[in-house]
Amino acid sequence: MFPVLWPALYDALSFLWSSWWPTADGEITEVITEQTGDRNNSFRLAVAYKFSVGDDGPYTGECFWKPTLALNQLRTVRNARKRLHVRQRIAIRYRRDDPSVNTLDGGVKRLLRSEK
């Protein structure tokens, strides 16, 4: 069990240092509103993207954003969704030894702040 758990744990912990990972230019491939959890009023924004590292790729990834306050969550997520679009250029951070481990630079929250 431990050999299977170690790579997943390493991948998860490596995100703590993602702000020091190299960056690559990428683009948004999909932006959707997702219902989460058991309650009908819990929503989040899912942003899928792709990027390449030199001639290597394309790699893909996905980031999520959920409003802090639950009040009018669906409206907040829908309004945020309107500010992002497919083929929008974005910065991606990727782990140098394995670009398939990656994240949106600063997350969806930073992207939404820059699109105001």
Protein backbone atom coordinates (compact mmCIF):
# COMPACT_ATOMS: atom_id res chain seq x y z
CA MET A 1 0.00 0.00 0.00
CA PHE A 2 2.73 2.47 0.89
CA PRO A 3 4.42 2.42 -2.56
CA VAL A 4 1.09 3.34 -4.15
CA LEU A 5 0.40 6.05 -1.58
CA TRP A 6 3.84 7.72 -1.78
CA PRO A 7 3.57 9.15 -5.35
CA ALA A 8 0.11 10.56 -4.64
CA LEU A 9 1.30 12.07 -1.37
CA TYR A 10 4.40 13.51 -3.05
CA ASP A 11 2.26 15.07 -5.78
CA ALA A 12 -0.14 16.57 -3.23
CA LEU A 13 2.61 17.95 -0.99
CA SER A 14 4.59 19.36 -3.89
CA PHE A 15 1.77 21.86 -4.52
CA LEU A 16 2.92 23.68 -1.37
CA TRP A 17 5.94 24.84 -3.38
CA SER A 18 4.11 25.47 -6.66
CA SER A 19 4.77 29.23 -6.53
CA TRP A 20 8.44 28.38 -7.23
CA TRP A 21 7.67 26.10 -10.18
CA PRO A 22 8.44 27.33 -13.71
CA THR A 23 5.61 28.86 -15.74
CA ALA A 24 4.26 28.12 -19.18
CA ASP A 25 1.70 29.86 -21.34
CA GLY A 26 -1.57 28.00 -21.59
CA GLU A 27 -5.16 28.51 -22.56
CA ILE A 28 -8.53 27.81 -21.04
CA THR A 29 -10.35 24.93 -22.73
CA GLU A 30 -13.55 24.88 -20.67
CA VAL A 31 -15.30 26.87 -17.94
CA ILE A 32 -18.27 25.27 -16.21
CA THR A 33 -20.44 25.70 -13.15
CA GLU A 34 -20.60 22.55 -11.04
CA GLN A 35 -22.97 21.61 -8.27
CA THR A 36 -21.06 20.10 -5.35
CA GLY A 37 -21.96 18.25 -2.20
CA ASP A 38 -25.33 17.00 -1.07
CA ARG A 39 -26.99 20.39 -0.75
CA ASN A 40 -28.65 21.96 -3.78
CA ASN A 41 -27.16 25.39 -3.13
CA SER A 42 -23.46 24.52 -3.21
CA PHE A 43 -21.66 25.45 -6.43
CA ARG A 44 -18.14 25.97 -7.74
CA LEU A 45 -16.45 27.15 -10.91
CA ALA A 46 -14.29 24.60 -12.74
CA VAL A 47 -11.64 25.85 -15.18
CA ALA A 48 -9.96 23.32 -17.48
CA TYR A 49 -6.80 24.29 -19.39
CA LYS A 50 -4.00 22.99 -21.58
CA PHE A 51 -0.37 23.96 -22.11
CA SER A 52 2.90 22.69 -23.56
CA VAL A 53 6.47 22.76 -22.31
CA GLY A 54 8.61 23.33 -25.38
CA ASP A 55 7.79 20.50 -27.79
CA ASP A 56 6.46 18.35 -24.96
CA GLY A 57 2.70 18.27 -24.45
CA PRO A 58 -0.03 19.17 -24.50
CA TYR A 59 -0.60 18.76 -20.80
CA THR A 60 -3.95 19.43 -19.18
CA GLY A 61 -5.18 20.50 -15.79
CA GLU A 62 -8.15 21.78 -13.89
CA CYS A 63 -8.62 24.32 -11.10
CA PHE A 64 -11.65 25.14 -8.99
CA TRP A 65 -13.05 28.19 -7.26
CA LYS A 66 -15.84 28.35 -4.71
CA PRO A 67 -17.17 31.61 -3.24
CA THR A 68 -16.38 32.18 0.41
CA LEU A 69 -19.96 33.02 1.35
CA ALA A 70 -22.78 30.58 0.65
CA LEU A 71 -25.36 33.35 0.18
CA ASN A 72 -26.35 33.62 -3.52
CA GLN A 73 -23.56 31.19 -4.40
CA LEU A 74 -25.01 30.20 -7.79
CA ARG A 75 -25.33 33.82 -8.90
CA THR A 76 -21.79 34.58 -7.73
CA VAL A 77 -20.36 31.59 -9.63
CA ARG A 78 -22.34 32.46 -12.79
CA ASN A 79 -21.11 36.06 -12.69
CA ALA A 80 -17.53 34.84 -12.27
CA ARG A 81 -17.97 32.42 -15.18
CA LYS A 82 -18.91 35.31 -17.49
CA ARG A 83 -15.46 36.86 -16.92
CA LEU A 84 -13.57 33.81 -18.24
CA HIS A 85 -13.67 32.36 -21.74
CA VAL A 86 -12.38 29.47 -23.82
CA ARG A 87 -8.99 30.16 -25.50
CA GLN A 88 -8.20 32.87 -22.93
CA ARG A 89 -4.42 32.99 -22.39
CA ILE A 90 -3.31 32.05 -18.86
CA ALA A 91 -0.13 31.28 -16.93
CA ILE A 92 0.39 27.72 -15.72
CA ARG A 93 2.85 26.52 -13.08
CA TYR A 94 4.19 23.00 -13.53
CA ARG A 95 6.53 20.73 -11.65
CA ARG A 96 9.84 20.61 -13.52
CA ASP A 97 10.30 16.84 -13.15
CA ASP A 98 6.68 16.05 -14.12
CA PRO A 99 4.66 18.73 -16.00
CA SER A 100 1.52 16.61 -15.64
CA VAL A 101 1.52 17.92 -12.05
CA ASN A 102 0.47 21.52 -12.59
CA THR A 103 -1.79 24.32 -11.46
CA LEU A 104 -3.18 27.62 -12.65
CA ASP A 105 -0.74 30.32 -11.50
CA GLY A 106 -2.41 31.89 -8.47
CA GLY A 107 -5.52 29.78 -8.92
CA VAL A 108 -8.88 30.79 -10.32
CA LYS A 109 -9.25 33.48 -7.64
CA ARG A 110 -6.24 35.43 -8.99
CA LEU A 111 -7.49 35.02 -12.54
CA LEU A 112 -10.88 36.45 -11.58
CA ARG A 113 -9.24 39.42 -9.83
CA SER A 114 -7.22 40.24 -12.94
CA GLU A 115 -10.35 40.13 -15.15
CA LYS A 116 -12.30 42.77 -13.23
